Amino acid sequence: MEAQIRAIKAALTEWFEAREPREKRMLVAGGALLAVVLLYSLLWAPAWDGCSRIRASLPLLQDEVAQMQTQLDEVRSLKGAAAIRAPQGLALRDALTTSLSQVGIPAPQITVLGKGVQVEVKNVPFGVWMGWLDEVRRSDHVRVVSAHATGEAQPGHANVSVTVQPAAEQ
């Protein structure tokens, strides 16, 4: 391959050396002009056109980014509002039943009262009960409407009754 390149180069050099000085100047000038035209056509013009298109479309793209940012802010606010939506009625009963079983509070009696729920438990450790009630208040966004507790013979245990409803309800 290298030998072929050397042979071509030698042939071109021999051909060029055989030209008259005026002809050589014309060939060099034509080659330089051809190189300038190729550089302009292949490099400069496409880059210039691309920059012009980008400059023309930039305000539109900036408007789209601003619109997307506004939509993102709206999504975040709606997501936050949806996250604090408290369950009501049967959904609240199911959520409380699940959380009571996870904490290990046995045999709760749960009654749906409109949008709220009444929970009654007998002989439950009072500290466990208060921890559960605080967790439910925070996680399920409920508020305590009424509560009643009576002590048991075993120290630290109580019979408790609480009515909760979604925090947004009045």
Protein backbone atom coordinates (compact mmCIF):
# COMPACT_ATOMS: atom_id res chain seq x y z
CA MET A 1 0.00 0.00 0.00
CA GLU A 2 2.80 2.38 0.95
CA ALA A 3 4.60 1.58 -2.28
CA GLN A 4 1.50 2.52 -4.28
CA ILE A 5 1.22 5.83 -2.47
CA ARG A 6 4.88 6.58 -3.16
CA ALA A 7 4.38 5.67 -6.82
CA ILE A 8 1.35 7.98 -7.13
CA LYS A 9 3.20 10.79 -5.36
CA ALA A 10 6.21 10.35 -7.67
CA ALA A 11 3.97 10.37 -10.75
CA LEU A 12 2.20 13.57 -9.61
CA THR A 13 5.52 15.24 -8.77
CA GLU A 14 6.93 14.30 -12.19
CA TRP A 15 3.78 15.57 -13.93
CA PHE A 16 3.85 18.85 -11.94
CA GLU A 17 7.59 19.42 -12.59
CA ALA A 18 6.96 19.03 -16.32
CA ARG A 19 4.60 22.08 -16.28
CA GLU A 20 5.67 25.59 -17.24
CA PRO A 21 6.18 28.08 -14.34
CA ARG A 22 3.05 30.05 -15.32
CA GLU A 23 1.03 26.82 -15.48
CA LYS A 24 2.38 25.79 -12.06
CA ARG A 25 1.26 29.12 -10.57
CA MET A 26 -2.21 28.66 -12.08
CA LEU A 27 -2.46 25.11 -10.72
CA VAL A 28 -1.34 26.21 -7.22
CA ALA A 29 -3.77 29.17 -7.28
CA GLY A 30 -6.60 26.91 -8.52
CA GLY A 31 -5.79 24.33 -5.84
CA ALA A 32 -5.79 27.01 -3.15
CA LEU A 33 -9.10 28.38 -4.44
CA LEU A 34 -10.54 24.86 -4.52
CA ALA A 35 -9.35 24.28 -0.93
CA VAL A 36 -10.99 27.53 0.22
CA VAL A 37 -14.26 26.66 -1.54
CA LEU A 38 -14.26 23.16 -0.01
CA LEU A 39 -13.52 24.50 3.49
CA TYR A 40 -16.31 27.06 3.14
CA SER A 41 -18.82 24.57 1.70
CA LEU A 42 -18.06 21.68 4.04
CA LEU A 43 -17.23 23.46 7.31
CA TRP A 44 -18.09 27.15 7.53
CA ALA A 45 -21.49 27.35 5.76
CA PRO A 46 -23.15 24.41 7.59
CA ALA A 47 -21.87 25.68 10.95
CA TRP A 48 -23.12 29.22 10.22
CA ASP A 49 -26.55 27.94 9.12
CA GLY A 50 -26.79 25.73 12.20
CA CYS A 51 -25.96 28.65 14.49
CA SER A 52 -28.57 30.79 12.75
CA ARG A 53 -31.24 28.10 13.16
CA ILE A 54 -30.34 27.66 16.83
CA ARG A 55 -30.42 31.42 17.41
CA ALA A 56 -33.84 31.61 15.74
CA SER A 57 -35.30 28.68 17.73
CA LEU A 58 -33.76 29.59 21.10
CA PRO A 59 -36.56 31.95 22.27
CA LEU A 60 -39.16 29.29 21.47
CA LEU A 61 -37.15 26.66 23.34
CA GLN A 62 -36.77 29.00 26.32
CA ASP A 63 -40.55 29.55 26.35
CA GLU A 64 -41.08 25.78 26.28
CA VAL A 65 -38.66 25.30 29.19
CA ALA A 66 -40.48 27.99 31.20
CA GLN A 67 -43.82 26.31 30.44
CA MET A 68 -42.43 22.91 31.48
CA GLN A 69 -41.07 24.42 34.70
CA THR A 70 -44.53 25.85 35.46
CA GLN A 71 -46.10 22.45 34.78
CA LEU A 72 -43.50 20.76 36.99
CA ASP A 73 -44.29 23.15 39.84
CA GLU A 74 -47.99 22.40 39.39
CA VAL A 75 -47.33 18.64 39.40
CA ARG A 76 -45.31 18.97 42.60
CA SER A 77 -48.07 20.94 44.30
CA LEU A 78 -50.74 18.49 43.15
CA LYS A 79 -48.60 15.55 44.22
CA GLY A 80 -48.24 17.11 47.66
CA ALA A 81 -51.99 17.70 47.87
CA ALA A 82 -52.70 14.12 46.81
CA ALA A 83 -50.24 12.75 49.33
CA ILE A 84 -52.07 14.31 52.27
CA ARG A 85 -55.52 13.19 51.20
CA ALA A 86 -56.81 11.19 54.14
CA PRO A 87 -58.80 7.99 53.63
CA GLN A 88 -62.47 8.12 54.62
CA GLY A 89 -65.12 5.64 55.69
CA LEU A 90 -64.35 2.06 54.64
CA ALA A 91 -60.91 2.98 53.30
CA LEU A 92 -60.02 4.48 56.67
CA ARG A 93 -61.35 1.38 58.44
CA ASP A 94 -59.18 -0.85 56.24
CA ALA A 95 -56.10 1.33 56.82
CA LEU A 96 -56.63 1.27 60.59
CA THR A 97 -57.21 -2.50 60.63
CA THR A 98 -53.96 -3.06 58.72
CA SER A 99 -51.93 -0.76 60.95
CA LEU A 100 -53.38 -2.32 64.14
CA SER A 101 -52.39 -5.80 62.97
CA GLN A 102 -48.89 -4.58 62.04
CA VAL A 103 -48.37 -3.17 65.53
CA GLY A 104 -49.75 -6.35 67.12
CA ILE A 105 -52.81 -4.91 68.86
CA PRO A 106 -55.20 -7.88 69.20
CA ALA A 107 -58.96 -8.07 68.50
CA PRO A 108 -59.91 -4.48 67.71
CA GLN A 109 -63.58 -3.65 67.30
CA ILE A 110 -63.84 -1.18 64.42
CA THR A 111 -67.05 0.63 63.47
CA VAL A 112 -67.51 3.05 60.55
CA LEU A 113 -69.30 6.24 61.56
CA GLY A 114 -69.87 8.30 58.40
CA LYS A 115 -66.45 9.45 57.21
CA GLY A 116 -64.86 8.59 60.55
CA VAL A 117 -64.10 5.35 62.36
CA GLN A 118 -64.45 4.27 66.00
CA VAL A 119 -61.85 1.82 67.32
CA GLU A 120 -62.28 -0.06 70.61
CA VAL A 121 -59.67 -2.37 72.10
CA LYS A 122 -59.63 -4.21 75.42
CA ASN A 123 -56.57 -4.89 77.58
CA VAL A 124 -53.95 -3.25 75.34
CA PRO A 125 -50.57 -1.91 76.54
CA PHE A 126 -51.23 1.83 76.82
CA GLY A 127 -47.79 2.84 75.48
CA VAL A 128 -48.25 0.66 72.38
CA TRP A 129 -51.73 2.14 71.89
CA MET A 130 -50.49 5.75 72.14
CA GLY A 131 -47.60 5.01 69.76
CA TRP A 132 -50.02 3.48 67.26
CA LEU A 133 -52.43 6.40 67.58
CA ASP A 134 -49.65 8.94 67.00
CA GLU A 135 -48.36 7.02 63.95
CA VAL A 136 -51.86 6.76 62.46
CA ARG A 137 -52.41 10.45 63.06
CA ARG A 138 -49.27 11.32 61.09
CA SER A 139 -49.38 8.68 58.35
CA ASP A 140 -53.12 8.57 57.61
CA HIS A 141 -53.74 12.28 58.31
CA VAL A 142 -56.56 11.72 60.78
CA ARG A 143 -57.52 13.62 63.91
CA VAL A 144 -58.94 12.29 67.13
CA VAL A 145 -62.52 13.39 67.61
CA SER A 146 -63.10 11.60 70.92
CA ALA A 147 -61.10 9.26 73.12
CA HIS A 148 -61.75 7.32 76.30
CA ALA A 149 -59.45 5.03 78.26
CA THR A 150 -59.96 3.04 81.47
CA GLY A 151 -57.27 1.23 83.39
CA GLU A 152 -57.07 -2.56 83.66
CA ALA A 153 -56.01 -4.68 86.59
CA GLN A 154 -52.67 -5.36 84.89
CA PRO A 155 -50.41 -2.27 85.25
CA GLY A 156 -49.82 -0.35 81.99
CA HIS A 157 -52.83 -1.89 80.22
CA ALA A 158 -56.13 -0.20 79.40
CA ASN A 159 -59.44 -0.53 77.63
CA VAL A 160 -59.50 2.24 75.02
CA SER A 161 -62.00 3.72 72.63
CA VAL A 162 -61.18 6.40 70.08
CA THR A 163 -63.06 7.99 67.21
CA VAL A 164 -60.95 9.38 64.37
CA GLN A 165 -61.83 11.08 61.12
CA PRO A 166 -59.89 12.63 58.25
CA ALA A 167 -58.01 15.72 59.42
CA ALA A 168 -59.57 17.89 56.70
CA GLU A 169 -63.09 17.18 57.97
CA GLN A 170 -64.66 19.63 60.42
